[in-house]
Amino acid sequence: MIEGGTWLGGSPLPSSREIAQRLSINRKTVSRVYEELSAQGLIVTQPKRGTFVAESPRAEIPAATPSQPEQDTTAASIDQLIQKTCAHHIRRVALHMHKLRPQDYDVTGLFNLKHMLANLLAHERRYLVSPEHISCGTWQALQSALIHSLNLNDGYLLLAHTTSLTLEKQLLRQGVKVLRLPAIAAGNAHEFIEQVEKYCINYPVSALWCDTACLFEPQTMASMQTLVAQKLADYHLLLIEDQRTHLPFVQPSQPLASRHAQSILLGSLYGECCDMFNVCYLASNLGFSNTFKHELNVQQQQSSLLNMLAQSELIKRGEYKKLLTSIHRFLQPA
């Protein structure tokens, strides 16, 4: 019996040809997913027999040794916890993936997962957005589509000083004109407002890409967010709030994007805690342009469907919130 699951090791999986025919997708996409699962030790392929659930999955990470720094030990424990939980659900949904119909997803992701994310954003973060205005998948696919669809009318995109140079180079390659804000101390929302206003006065700024989570002190968060949102509205700025590195839905903190009418919220299910099973999402109260949908990589999105199915199962069963609570406890100082 697979640890903690109901599926026996050695259970047969549908062939890549069968899944491709049922989902009307390229067989190479299914084969690539099977190869990834095989590399993780979750499934095994036997010549002339087929593909089966592995008897002894080897996806877990060895426990950290006492000689490692405490931070590394904690990170390894969190990563191991996420991988163990997600791998279990990957095995479960892999046996039923052949039931997934083409009408259950499109280039913006799995419909069921988008509805669950909309509910989580509304209840946990007070960010009200329609499921049709949420796209989920790999960050590479979402980032490429977002950059290609930015329509700034020859205006500048203002970047926070913490924005990666890689992202800045990708924006410049796409012809987006960028300016970078100077470093601003945590909790100093007033300085942030002054800097944004300074650039808006001197340049035709159209949008702001930043992570505002560190700008606000808990005791004054509501009032300062209202003040910043009003300033963004005065200059008609599009806010792209990038919170992908944060662990979401643990504390009921309201993002600045929820207070601004022209906003895009970027997030992920596991922040920086795990890359292997992480799913990124993009929520926009403006909806998606045809350019955005056109630029999404269909093949790349389809290759993420198995993981999206597993994450939707985690959320539906209530295990996702429990997992986040456990991770949050790991991260708390002793």
C-alpha atoms as a PDB file:
ATOM      1  CA  MET A   1       0.000   0.000   0.000  1.00  0.00           C
ATOM      2  CA  ILE A   2       1.362   3.451  -0.914  1.00  0.00           C
ATOM      3  CA  GLU A   3       2.102   5.347   2.297  1.00  0.00           C
ATOM      4  CA  GLY A   4      -0.957   7.227   3.496  1.00  0.00           C
ATOM      5  CA  GLY A   5      -2.959   6.449   0.306  1.00  0.00           C
ATOM      6  CA  THR A   6      -5.542   4.093  -1.049  1.00  0.00           C
ATOM      7  CA  TRP A   7      -3.711   3.154  -4.261  1.00  0.00           C
ATOM      8  CA  LEU A   8      -1.598   0.034  -4.321  1.00  0.00           C
ATOM      9  CA  GLY A   9       1.935   0.110  -5.576  1.00  0.00           C
ATOM     10  CA  GLY A  10       1.985  -1.558  -8.964  1.00  0.00           C
ATOM     11  CA  SER A  11      -1.421  -0.192 -10.023  1.00  0.00           C
ATOM     12  CA  PRO A  12      -1.493   0.275 -13.826  1.00  0.00           C
ATOM     13  CA  LEU A  13      -1.771   3.768 -15.350  1.00  0.00           C
ATOM     14  CA  PRO A  14      -3.378   4.657 -18.690  1.00  0.00           C
ATOM     15  CA  SER A  15      -0.995   4.777 -21.625  1.00  0.00           C
ATOM     16  CA  SER A  16       0.258   8.115 -22.909  1.00  0.00           C
ATOM     17  CA  ARG A  17      -1.593   7.488 -26.168  1.00  0.00           C
ATOM     18  CA  GLU A  18      -4.883   6.913 -24.338  1.00  0.00           C
ATOM     19  CA  ILE A  19      -4.571  10.052 -22.221  1.00  0.00           C
ATOM     20  CA  ALA A  20      -3.586  12.135 -25.251  1.00  0.00           C
ATOM     21  CA  GLN A  21      -6.629  10.902 -27.189  1.00  0.00           C
ATOM     22  CA  ARG A  22      -9.058  11.523 -24.321  1.00  0.00           C
ATOM     23  CA  LEU A  23      -7.744  15.028 -23.605  1.00  0.00           C
ATOM     24  CA  SER A  24      -7.121  15.896 -27.253  1.00  0.00           C
ATOM     25  CA  ILE A  25      -3.565  16.967 -26.500  1.00  0.00           C
ATOM     26  CA  ASN A  26      -0.171  16.132 -27.947  1.00  0.00           C
ATOM     27  CA  ARG A  27       1.113  12.716 -26.898  1.00  0.00           C
ATOM     28  CA  LYS A  28       4.560  14.231 -26.295  1.00  0.00           C
ATOM     29  CA  THR A  29       3.065  16.397 -23.538  1.00  0.00           C
ATOM     30  CA  VAL A  30       1.768  13.312 -21.709  1.00  0.00           C
ATOM     31  CA  SER A  31       5.056  11.498 -22.252  1.00  0.00           C
ATOM     32  CA  ARG A  32       6.957  14.444 -20.748  1.00  0.00           C
ATOM     33  CA  VAL A  33       4.745  14.378 -17.638  1.00  0.00           C
ATOM     34  CA  TYR A  34       5.299  10.624 -17.284  1.00  0.00           C
ATOM     35  CA  GLU A  35       9.046  11.144 -17.636  1.00  0.00           C
ATOM     36  CA  GLU A  36       9.002  13.748 -14.840  1.00  0.00           C
ATOM     37  CA  LEU A  37       7.007  11.431 -12.567  1.00  0.00           C
ATOM     38  CA  SER A  38       9.382   8.586 -13.360  1.00  0.00           C
ATOM     39  CA  ALA A  39      12.398  10.782 -12.538  1.00  0.00           C
ATOM     40  CA  GLN A  40      10.778  11.542  -9.172  1.00  0.00           C
ATOM     41  CA  GLY A  41      10.336   7.832  -8.526  1.00  0.00           C
ATOM     42  CA  LEU A  42       6.541   8.025  -8.437  1.00  0.00           C
ATOM     43  CA  ILE A  43       5.893   5.716 -11.387  1.00  0.00           C
ATOM     44  CA  VAL A  44       7.784   3.037 -13.303  1.00  0.00           C
ATOM     45  CA  THR A  45       7.549   2.060 -16.964  1.00  0.00           C
ATOM     46  CA  GLN A  46       8.057  -1.576 -17.893  1.00  0.00           C
ATOM     47  CA  PRO A  47       8.753  -2.407 -21.571  1.00  0.00           C
ATOM     48  CA  LYS A  48       5.857  -4.195 -23.322  1.00  0.00           C
ATOM     49  CA  ARG A  49       3.812  -4.093 -20.097  1.00  0.00           C
ATOM     50  CA  GLY A  50       2.974  -0.438 -19.432  1.00  0.00           C
ATOM     51  CA  THR A  51       3.297   2.218 -16.721  1.00  0.00           C
ATOM     52  CA  PHE A  52       2.601   1.507 -13.062  1.00  0.00           C
ATOM     53  CA  VAL A  53       2.557   3.256  -9.667  1.00  0.00           C
ATOM     54  CA  ALA A  54       5.955   2.742  -8.049  1.00  0.00           C
ATOM     55  CA  GLU A  55       6.161   0.187  -5.246  1.00  0.00           C
ATOM     56  CA  SER A  56       8.694   2.272  -3.289  1.00  0.00           C
ATOM     57  CA  PRO A  57       8.535   5.973  -4.265  1.00  0.00           C
ATOM     58  CA  ARG A  58      11.824   7.785  -3.796  1.00  0.00           C
ATOM     59  CA  ALA A  59      10.623  11.365  -4.071  1.00  0.00           C
ATOM     60  CA  GLU A  60      11.446  12.192  -0.483  1.00  0.00           C
ATOM     61  CA  ILE A  61      14.478  14.227   0.443  1.00  0.00           C
ATOM     62  CA  PRO A  62      16.913  12.725   2.986  1.00  0.00           C
ATOM     63  CA  ALA A  63      16.702  14.213   6.423  1.00  0.00           C
ATOM     64  CA  ALA A  64      19.128  17.020   7.140  1.00  0.00           C
ATOM     65  CA  THR A  65      22.209  16.158   9.160  1.00  0.00           C
ATOM     66  CA  PRO A  66      22.848  17.846  12.542  1.00  0.00           C
ATOM     67  CA  SER A  67      25.868  19.629  11.086  1.00  0.00           C
ATOM     68  CA  GLN A  68      23.722  21.734   8.738  1.00  0.00           C
ATOM     69  CA  PRO A  69      22.709  25.255   9.743  1.00  0.00           C
ATOM     70  CA  GLU A  70      19.317  25.488  11.455  1.00  0.00           C
ATOM     71  CA  GLN A  71      17.829  27.533   8.621  1.00  0.00           C
ATOM     72  CA  ASP A  72      18.851  24.934   6.036  1.00  0.00           C
ATOM     73  CA  THR A  73      17.418  22.173   8.230  1.00  0.00           C
ATOM     74  CA  THR A  74      14.099  24.006   8.502  1.00  0.00           C
ATOM     75  CA  ALA A  75      13.959  24.674   4.757  1.00  0.00           C
ATOM     76  CA  ALA A  76      14.722  21.002   4.015  1.00  0.00           C
ATOM     77  CA  SER A  77      12.018  19.870   6.450  1.00  0.00           C
ATOM     78  CA  ILE A  78       9.444  22.174   4.862  1.00  0.00           C
ATOM     79  CA  ASP A  79      10.402  21.109   1.352  1.00  0.00           C
ATOM     80  CA  GLN A  80      10.200  17.464   2.374  1.00  0.00           C
ATOM     81  CA  LEU A  81       6.764  17.990   3.959  1.00  0.00           C
ATOM     82  CA  ILE A  82       5.382  19.664   0.831  1.00  0.00           C
ATOM     83  CA  GLN A  83       6.860  17.055  -1.498  1.00  0.00           C
ATOM     84  CA  LYS A  84       5.534  14.146   0.565  1.00  0.00           C
ATOM     85  CA  THR A  85       2.020  15.603   0.715  1.00  0.00           C
ATOM     86  CA  CYS A  86       1.880  16.620  -2.948  1.00  0.00           C
ATOM     87  CA  ALA A  87       3.452  13.392  -4.214  1.00  0.00           C
ATOM     88  CA  HIS A  88       0.694  11.420  -2.494  1.00  0.00           C
ATOM     89  CA  HIS A  89      -1.989  13.393  -4.341  1.00  0.00           C
ATOM     90  CA  ILE A  90      -0.054  13.248  -7.603  1.00  0.00           C
ATOM     91  CA  ARG A  91      -0.317   9.460  -7.412  1.00  0.00           C
ATOM     92  CA  ARG A  92      -4.029   9.637  -6.682  1.00  0.00           C
ATOM     93  CA  VAL A  93      -4.965  11.982  -9.514  1.00  0.00           C
ATOM     94  CA  ALA A  94      -2.632  10.282 -12.017  1.00  0.00           C
ATOM     95  CA  LEU A  95      -4.952   7.258 -11.943  1.00  0.00           C
ATOM     96  CA  HIS A  96      -7.929   9.453 -12.823  1.00  0.00           C
ATOM     97  CA  MET A  97      -6.309  11.939 -15.193  1.00  0.00           C
ATOM     98  CA  HIS A  98      -7.868  10.147 -18.153  1.00  0.00           C
ATOM     99  CA  LYS A  99     -11.249  11.430 -16.924  1.00  0.00           C
ATOM    100  CA  LEU A 100     -10.189  15.047 -17.383  1.00  0.00           C
ATOM    101  CA  ARG A 101     -12.039  16.561 -20.345  1.00  0.00           C
ATOM    102  CA  PRO A 102     -10.815  19.342 -22.651  1.00  0.00           C
ATOM    103  CA  GLN A 103     -13.694  21.548 -21.420  1.00  0.00           C
ATOM    104  CA  ASP A 104     -12.313  21.314 -17.869  1.00  0.00           C
ATOM    105  CA  TYR A 105      -9.403  23.643 -18.668  1.00  0.00           C
ATOM    106  CA  ASP A 106      -8.114  26.227 -21.130  1.00  0.00           C
ATOM    107  CA  VAL A 107      -4.902  28.231 -21.551  1.00  0.00           C
ATOM    108  CA  THR A 108      -5.568  30.038 -18.260  1.00  0.00           C
ATOM    109  CA  GLY A 109      -5.493  26.783 -16.303  1.00  0.00           C
ATOM    110  CA  LEU A 110      -7.773  24.244 -14.648  1.00  0.00           C
ATOM    111  CA  PHE A 111     -11.256  25.688 -14.074  1.00  0.00           C
ATOM    112  CA  ASN A 112     -11.776  23.831 -10.793  1.00  0.00           C
ATOM    113  CA  LEU A 113      -8.507  25.149  -9.331  1.00  0.00           C
ATOM    114  CA  LYS A 114      -9.311  28.716 -10.430  1.00  0.00           C
ATOM    115  CA  HIS A 115     -12.670  28.614  -8.626  1.00  0.00           C
ATOM    116  CA  MET A 116     -10.959  27.399  -5.449  1.00  0.00           C
ATOM    117  CA  LEU A 117      -8.314  30.129  -5.694  1.00  0.00           C
ATOM    118  CA  ALA A 118     -11.048  32.756  -6.149  1.00  0.00           C
ATOM    119  CA  ASN A 119     -12.720  31.530  -2.943  1.00  0.00           C
ATOM    120  CA  LEU A 120      -9.427  31.524  -1.023  1.00  0.00           C
ATOM    121  CA  LEU A 121      -8.545  35.043  -2.203  1.00  0.00           C
ATOM    122  CA  ALA A 122     -11.993  36.334  -1.239  1.00  0.00           C
ATOM    123  CA  HIS A 123     -12.183  34.695   2.196  1.00  0.00           C
ATOM    124  CA  GLU A 124      -8.562  34.830   3.295  1.00  0.00           C
ATOM    125  CA  ARG A 125      -7.260  38.000   1.624  1.00  0.00           C
ATOM    126  CA  ARG A 126     -10.428  39.967   0.831  1.00  0.00           C
ATOM    127  CA  TYR A 127      -9.417  40.212  -2.815  1.00  0.00           C
ATOM    128  CA  LEU A 128     -12.625  39.812  -4.797  1.00  0.00           C
ATOM    129  CA  VAL A 129     -12.018  38.503  -8.294  1.00  0.00           C
ATOM    130  CA  SER A 130     -13.976  36.286 -10.666  1.00  0.00           C
ATOM    131  CA  PRO A 131     -12.515  32.814 -11.428  1.00  0.00           C
ATOM    132  CA  GLU A 132     -12.529  33.889 -15.092  1.00  0.00           C
ATOM    133  CA  HIS A 133     -10.036  36.599 -14.103  1.00  0.00           C
ATOM    134  CA  ILE A 134      -7.542  34.135 -12.602  1.00  0.00           C
ATOM    135  CA  SER A 135      -4.836  32.315 -14.537  1.00  0.00           C
ATOM    136  CA  CYS A 136      -2.664  29.620 -12.983  1.00  0.00           C
ATOM    137  CA  GLY A 137       0.287  27.520 -14.085  1.00  0.00           C
ATOM    138  CA  THR A 138       4.055  27.884 -14.274  1.00  0.00           C
ATOM    139  CA  TRP A 139       5.594  31.275 -13.634  1.00  0.00           C
ATOM    140  CA  GLN A 140       7.468  31.136 -16.934  1.00  0.00           C
ATOM    141  CA  ALA A 141       4.214  30.877 -18.894  1.00  0.00           C
ATOM    142  CA  LEU A 142       2.378  33.538 -16.856  1.00  0.00           C
ATOM    143  CA  GLN A 143       5.301  35.975 -16.887  1.00  0.00           C
ATOM    144  CA  SER A 144       5.768  35.724 -20.641  1.00  0.00           C
ATOM    145  CA  ALA A 145       2.062  36.299 -21.291  1.00  0.00           C
ATOM    146  CA  LEU A 146       1.902  39.226 -18.860  1.00  0.00           C
ATOM    147  CA  ILE A 147       4.948  40.983 -20.301  1.00  0.00           C
ATOM    148  CA  HIS A 148       3.743  40.544 -23.882  1.00  0.00           C
ATOM    149  CA  SER A 149       0.278  41.857 -23.034  1.00  0.00           C
ATOM    150  CA  LEU A 150       1.378  44.995 -21.149  1.00  0.00           C
ATOM    151  CA  ASN A 151      -0.079  48.026 -22.921  1.00  0.00           C
ATOM    152  CA  LEU A 152       1.424  51.094 -21.289  1.00  0.00           C
ATOM    153  CA  ASN A 153       0.792  53.565 -24.144  1.00  0.00           C
ATOM    154  CA  ASP A 154       4.473  54.577 -24.308  1.00  0.00           C
ATOM    155  CA  GLY A 155       4.533  55.122 -20.553  1.00  0.00           C
ATOM    156  CA  TYR A 156       7.122  53.828 -18.097  1.00  0.00           C
ATOM    157  CA  LEU A 157       6.885  50.818 -15.816  1.00  0.00           C
ATOM    158  CA  LEU A 158       8.163  51.670 -12.342  1.00  0.00           C
ATOM    159  CA  LEU A 159       9.977  48.754 -10.649  1.00  0.00           C
ATOM    160  CA  ALA A 160      10.668  48.292  -6.955  1.00  0.00           C
ATOM    161  CA  HIS A 161      14.362  48.096  -6.051  1.00  0.00           C
ATOM    162  CA  THR A 162      13.901  44.427  -5.059  1.00  0.00           C
ATOM    163  CA  THR A 163      12.745  43.416  -8.552  1.00  0.00           C
ATOM    164  CA  SER A 164      15.134  40.920 -10.131  1.00  0.00           C
ATOM    165  CA  LEU A 165      17.490  42.058 -12.862  1.00  0.00           C
ATOM    166  CA  THR A 166      16.388  39.062 -14.938  1.00  0.00           C
ATOM    167  CA  LEU A 167      12.812  40.330 -15.000  1.00  0.00           C
ATOM    168  CA  GLU A 168      14.014  43.831 -15.857  1.00  0.00           C
ATOM    169  CA  LYS A 169      16.027  42.501 -18.810  1.00  0.00           C
ATOM    170  CA  GLN A 170      13.011  40.551 -20.080  1.00  0.00           C
ATOM    171  CA  LEU A 171      10.877  43.676 -19.902  1.00  0.00           C
ATOM    172  CA  LEU A 172      13.488  45.694 -21.783  1.00  0.00           C
ATOM    173  CA  ARG A 173      13.779  43.009 -24.473  1.00  0.00           C
ATOM    174  CA  GLN A 174      10.033  43.280 -24.989  1.00  0.00           C
ATOM    175  CA  GLY A 175      10.361  47.044 -25.477  1.00  0.00           C
ATOM    176  CA  VAL A 176       8.914  48.057 -22.096  1.00  0.00           C
ATOM    177  CA  LYS A 177      10.492  51.248 -20.734  1.00  0.00           C
ATOM    178  CA  VAL A 178      11.399  50.779 -17.079  1.00  0.00           C
ATOM    179  CA  LEU A 179      12.509  52.924 -14.163  1.00  0.00           C
ATOM    180  CA  ARG A 180      13.718  51.536 -10.840  1.00  0.00           C
ATOM    181  CA  LEU A 181      12.756  52.952  -7.447  1.00  0.00           C
ATOM    182  CA  PRO A 182      15.533  53.469  -4.873  1.00  0.00           C
ATOM    183  CA  ALA A 183      15.721  51.244  -1.805  1.00  0.00           C
ATOM    184  CA  ILE A 184      12.999  52.025   0.716  1.00  0.00           C
ATOM    185  CA  ALA A 185      13.118  50.916   4.347  1.00  0.00           C
ATOM    186  CA  ALA A 186      10.523  48.386   5.519  1.00  0.00           C
ATOM    187  CA  GLY A 187       7.436  49.994   7.029  1.00  0.00           C
ATOM    188  CA  ASN A 188       8.125  53.368   5.397  1.00  0.00           C
ATOM    189  CA  ALA A 189       5.007  53.803   3.261  1.00  0.00           C
ATOM    190  CA  HIS A 190       5.321  57.600   3.343  1.00  0.00           C
ATOM    191  CA  GLU A 191       8.728  57.482   1.625  1.00  0.00           C
ATOM    192  CA  PHE A 192       7.294  55.055  -0.918  1.00  0.00           C
ATOM    193  CA  ILE A 193       4.509  57.532  -1.736  1.00  0.00           C
ATOM    194  CA  GLU A 194       7.021  60.370  -2.081  1.00  0.00           C
ATOM    195  CA  GLN A 195       9.231  58.386  -4.462  1.00  0.00           C
ATOM    196  CA  VAL A 196       6.322  57.246  -6.628  1.00  0.00           C
ATOM    197  CA  GLU A 197       4.996  60.797  -6.810  1.00  0.00           C
ATOM    198  CA  LYS A 198       8.446  62.123  -7.716  1.00  0.00           C
ATOM    199  CA  TYR A 199       8.752  59.742 -10.681  1.00  0.00           C
ATOM    200  CA  CYS A 200       5.177  60.370 -11.825  1.00  0.00           C
ATOM    201  CA  ILE A 201       5.811  64.121 -11.906  1.00  0.00           C
ATOM    202  CA  ASN A 202       9.017  63.788 -13.923  1.00  0.00           C
ATOM    203  CA  TYR A 203       8.134  60.862 -16.213  1.00  0.00           C
ATOM    204  CA  PRO A 204       5.019  59.513 -17.924  1.00  0.00           C
ATOM    205  CA  VAL A 205       4.631  56.523 -15.589  1.00  0.00           C
ATOM    206  CA  SER A 206       1.818  54.102 -16.462  1.00  0.00           C
ATOM    207  CA  ALA A 207       2.337  51.155 -14.113  1.00  0.00           C
ATOM    208  CA  LEU A 208       4.044  50.041 -10.916  1.00  0.00           C
ATOM    209  CA  TRP A 209       5.475  46.520 -10.378  1.00  0.00           C
ATOM    210  CA  CYS A 210       6.348  45.890  -6.731  1.00  0.00           C
ATOM    211  CA  ASP A 211       5.776  43.884  -3.571  1.00  0.00           C
ATOM    212  CA  THR A 212       4.063  46.184  -1.087  1.00  0.00           C
ATOM    213  CA  ALA A 213       3.793  43.635   1.748  1.00  0.00           C
ATOM    214  CA  CYS A 214       6.805  45.064   3.626  1.00  0.00           C
ATOM    215  CA  LEU A 215       5.672  48.693   3.342  1.00  0.00           C
ATOM    216  CA  PHE A 216       3.029  48.655   6.049  1.00  0.00           C
ATOM    217  CA  GLU A 217       3.084  48.292   9.807  1.00  0.00           C
ATOM    218  CA  PRO A 218       0.277  46.047  11.164  1.00  0.00           C
ATOM    219  CA  GLN A 219      -1.210  48.755  13.377  1.00  0.00           C
ATOM    220  CA  THR A 220      -1.540  51.308  10.554  1.00  0.00           C
ATOM    221  CA  MET A 221      -1.934  48.970   7.578  1.00  0.00           C
ATOM    222  CA  ALA A 222      -5.541  49.826   6.669  1.00  0.00           C
ATOM    223  CA  SER A 223      -5.096  53.598   6.734  1.00  0.00           C
ATOM    224  CA  MET A 224      -1.748  53.566   4.926  1.00  0.00           C
ATOM    225  CA  GLN A 225      -2.981  51.172   2.247  1.00  0.00           C
ATOM    226  CA  THR A 226      -5.896  53.509   1.600  1.00  0.00           C
ATOM    227  CA  LEU A 227      -3.490  56.434   1.304  1.00  0.00           C
ATOM    228  CA  VAL A 228      -1.184  54.617  -1.132  1.00  0.00           C
ATOM    229  CA  ALA A 229      -4.120  53.324  -3.183  1.00  0.00           C
ATOM    230  CA  GLN A 230      -5.469  56.868  -3.472  1.00  0.00           C
ATOM    231  CA  LYS A 231      -2.105  58.118  -4.710  1.00  0.00           C
ATOM    232  CA  LEU A 232      -1.967  55.361  -7.340  1.00  0.00           C
ATOM    233  CA  ALA A 233      -5.491  56.261  -8.440  1.00  0.00           C
ATOM    234  CA  ASP A 234      -4.571  59.965  -8.688  1.00  0.00           C
ATOM    235  CA  TYR A 235      -1.889  59.105 -11.249  1.00  0.00           C
ATOM    236  CA  HIS A 236      -3.988  56.393 -12.974  1.00  0.00           C
ATOM    237  CA  LEU A 237      -1.340  53.742 -12.379  1.00  0.00           C
ATOM    238  CA  LEU A 238      -1.752  50.030 -13.010  1.00  0.00           C
ATOM    239  CA  LEU A 239      -0.529  48.157  -9.920  1.00  0.00           C
ATOM    240  CA  ILE A 240       1.192  44.802 -10.449  1.00  0.00           C
ATOM    241  CA  GLU A 241       1.587  43.476  -6.918  1.00  0.00           C
ATOM    242  CA  ASP A 242       4.123  40.664  -6.919  1.00  0.00           C
ATOM    243  CA  GLN A 243       3.740  38.475  -3.811  1.00  0.00           C
ATOM    244  CA  ARG A 244       4.965  35.212  -5.300  1.00  0.00           C
ATOM    245  CA  THR A 245       7.689  34.816  -2.683  1.00  0.00           C
ATOM    246  CA  HIS A 246       5.253  34.953   0.246  1.00  0.00           C
ATOM    247  CA  LEU A 247       3.452  32.033   1.824  1.00  0.00           C
ATOM    248  CA  PRO A 248      -0.222  32.879   1.187  1.00  0.00           C
ATOM    249  CA  PHE A 249      -3.457  32.308   3.101  1.00  0.00           C
ATOM    250  CA  VAL A 250      -1.809  31.853   6.513  1.00  0.00           C
ATOM    251  CA  GLN A 251      -2.592  35.244   8.020  1.00  0.00           C
ATOM    252  CA  PRO A 252      -5.594  37.299   6.891  1.00  0.00           C
ATOM    253  CA  SER A 253      -3.552  40.202   5.499  1.00  0.00           C
ATOM    254  CA  GLN A 254      -5.219  42.242   2.796  1.00  0.00           C
ATOM    255  CA  PRO A 255      -3.040  43.023  -0.252  1.00  0.00           C
ATOM    256  CA  LEU A 256      -2.874  46.586  -1.520  1.00  0.00           C
ATOM    257  CA  ALA A 257      -4.247  45.280  -4.836  1.00  0.00           C
ATOM    258  CA  SER A 258      -7.593  44.685  -3.122  1.00  0.00           C
ATOM    259  CA  ARG A 259      -7.947  48.437  -2.553  1.00  0.00           C
ATOM    260  CA  HIS A 260      -6.976  49.579  -6.050  1.00  0.00           C
ATOM    261  CA  ALA A 261      -9.329  49.340  -9.027  1.00  0.00           C
ATOM    262  CA  GLN A 262      -6.586  48.744 -11.608  1.00  0.00           C
ATOM    263  CA  SER A 263      -4.516  45.927 -10.194  1.00  0.00           C
ATOM    264  CA  ILE A 264      -2.951  42.550 -10.898  1.00  0.00           C
ATOM    265  CA  LEU A 265      -2.023  40.260  -8.014  1.00  0.00           C
ATOM    266  CA  LEU A 266       0.760  37.709  -8.546  1.00  0.00           C
ATOM    267  CA  GLY A 267       1.060  34.861  -6.070  1.00  0.00           C
ATOM    268  CA  SER A 268       1.983  31.213  -5.623  1.00  0.00           C
ATOM    269  CA  LEU A 269       0.727  28.325  -3.509  1.00  0.00           C
ATOM    270  CA  TYR A 270       3.971  27.714  -1.610  1.00  0.00           C
ATOM    271  CA  GLY A 271       5.999  30.912  -1.916  1.00  0.00           C
ATOM    272  CA  GLU A 272       9.716  30.143  -1.823  1.00  0.00           C
ATOM    273  CA  CYS A 273       9.258  26.936   0.156  1.00  0.00           C
ATOM    274  CA  CYS A 274       9.076  24.483  -2.746  1.00  0.00           C
ATOM    275  CA  ASP A 275       9.718  24.696  -6.486  1.00  0.00           C
ATOM    276  CA  MET A 276       8.797  21.186  -7.585  1.00  0.00           C
ATOM    277  CA  PHE A 277       5.042  21.335  -6.882  1.00  0.00           C
ATOM    278  CA  ASN A 278       4.502  25.076  -6.758  1.00  0.00           C
ATOM    279  CA  VAL A 279       1.695  26.615  -8.831  1.00  0.00           C
ATOM    280  CA  CYS A 280       1.708  30.342  -9.568  1.00  0.00           C
ATOM    281  CA  TYR A 281      -1.419  32.371 -10.148  1.00  0.00           C
ATOM    282  CA  LEU A 282      -2.241  35.748 -11.644  1.00  0.00           C
ATOM    283  CA  ALA A 283      -5.467  37.474 -10.561  1.00  0.00           C
ATOM    284  CA  SER A 284      -6.647  40.631 -12.304  1.00  0.00           C
ATOM    285  CA  ASN A 285      -9.675  42.774 -11.530  1.00  0.00           C
ATOM    286  CA  LEU A 286      -9.357  44.039 -15.114  1.00  0.00           C
ATOM    287  CA  GLY A 287      -9.779  40.651 -16.767  1.00  0.00           C
ATOM    288  CA  PHE A 288      -7.479  39.225 -19.448  1.00  0.00           C
ATOM    289  CA  SER A 289      -6.871  40.663 -22.879  1.00  0.00           C
ATOM    290  CA  ASN A 290      -6.906  38.508 -25.988  1.00  0.00           C
ATOM    291  CA  THR A 291      -3.172  39.160 -26.269  1.00  0.00           C
ATOM    292  CA  PHE A 292      -2.585  37.657 -22.817  1.00  0.00           C
ATOM    293  CA  LYS A 293      -4.552  34.509 -23.654  1.00  0.00           C
ATOM    294  CA  HIS A 294      -2.878  34.223 -27.033  1.00  0.00           C
ATOM    295  CA  GLU A 295       0.607  34.455 -25.526  1.00  0.00           C
ATOM    296  CA  LEU A 296       0.037  31.743 -22.934  1.00  0.00           C
ATOM    297  CA  ASN A 297       1.971  28.648 -23.881  1.00  0.00           C
ATOM    298  CA  VAL A 298      -0.696  25.980 -24.360  1.00  0.00           C
ATOM    299  CA  GLN A 299       1.720  23.037 -24.270  1.00  0.00           C
ATOM    300  CA  GLN A 300       3.396  24.325 -21.114  1.00  0.00           C
ATOM    301  CA  GLN A 301       0.024  24.764 -19.409  1.00  0.00           C
ATOM    302  CA  GLN A 302      -1.059  21.244 -20.372  1.00  0.00           C
ATOM    303  CA  SER A 303       2.135  19.815 -18.919  1.00  0.00           C
ATOM    304  CA  SER A 304       1.134  21.363 -15.561  1.00  0.00           C
ATOM    305  CA  LEU A 305      -2.365  19.871 -15.487  1.00  0.00           C
ATOM    306  CA  LEU A 306      -1.397  16.892 -13.338  1.00  0.00           C
ATOM    307  CA  ASN A 307       0.054  19.156 -10.655  1.00  0.00           C
ATOM    308  CA  MET A 308      -2.965  21.502 -10.885  1.00  0.00           C
ATOM    309  CA  LEU A 309      -5.267  18.510 -10.331  1.00  0.00           C
ATOM    310  CA  ALA A 310      -3.258  17.446  -7.293  1.00  0.00           C
ATOM    311  CA  GLN A 311      -3.315  20.950  -5.789  1.00  0.00           C
ATOM    312  CA  SER A 312      -7.070  21.270  -6.350  1.00  0.00           C
ATOM    313  CA  GLU A 313      -7.525  17.967  -4.483  1.00  0.00           C
ATOM    314  CA  LEU A 314      -5.405  19.296  -1.618  1.00  0.00           C
ATOM    315  CA  ILE A 315      -7.535  22.431  -1.383  1.00  0.00           C
ATOM    316  CA  LYS A 316     -10.857  20.588  -1.746  1.00  0.00           C
ATOM    317  CA  ARG A 317      -9.989  18.145   1.045  1.00  0.00           C
ATOM    318  CA  GLY A 318      -8.861  20.920   3.393  1.00  0.00           C
ATOM    319  CA  GLU A 319      -5.302  19.584   3.464  1.00  0.00           C
ATOM    320  CA  TYR A 320      -3.786  22.634   1.781  1.00  0.00           C
ATOM    321  CA  LYS A 321      -4.667  24.992   4.656  1.00  0.00           C
ATOM    322  CA  LYS A 322      -3.410  22.427   7.182  1.00  0.00           C
ATOM    323  CA  LEU A 323      -0.161  22.154   5.226  1.00  0.00           C
ATOM    324  CA  LEU A 324       0.285  25.939   5.204  1.00  0.00           C
ATOM    325  CA  THR A 325      -0.363  26.078   8.959  1.00  0.00           C
ATOM    326  CA  SER A 326       2.327  23.455   9.548  1.00  0.00           C
ATOM    327  CA  ILE A 327       4.784  25.351   7.347  1.00  0.00           C
ATOM    328  CA  HIS A 328       3.991  28.584   9.163  1.00  0.00           C
ATOM    329  CA  ARG A 329       4.811  26.898  12.494  1.00  0.00           C
ATOM    330  CA  PHE A 330       8.133  25.712  11.087  1.00  0.00           C
ATOM    331  CA  LEU A 331       8.982  29.294  10.117  1.00  0.00           C
ATOM    332  CA  GLN A 332       8.168  30.837  13.477  1.00  0.00           C
ATOM    333  CA  PRO A 333      11.199  31.777  15.593  1.00  0.00           C
ATOM    334  CA  ALA A 334      11.799  29.549  18.605  1.00  0.00           C
END
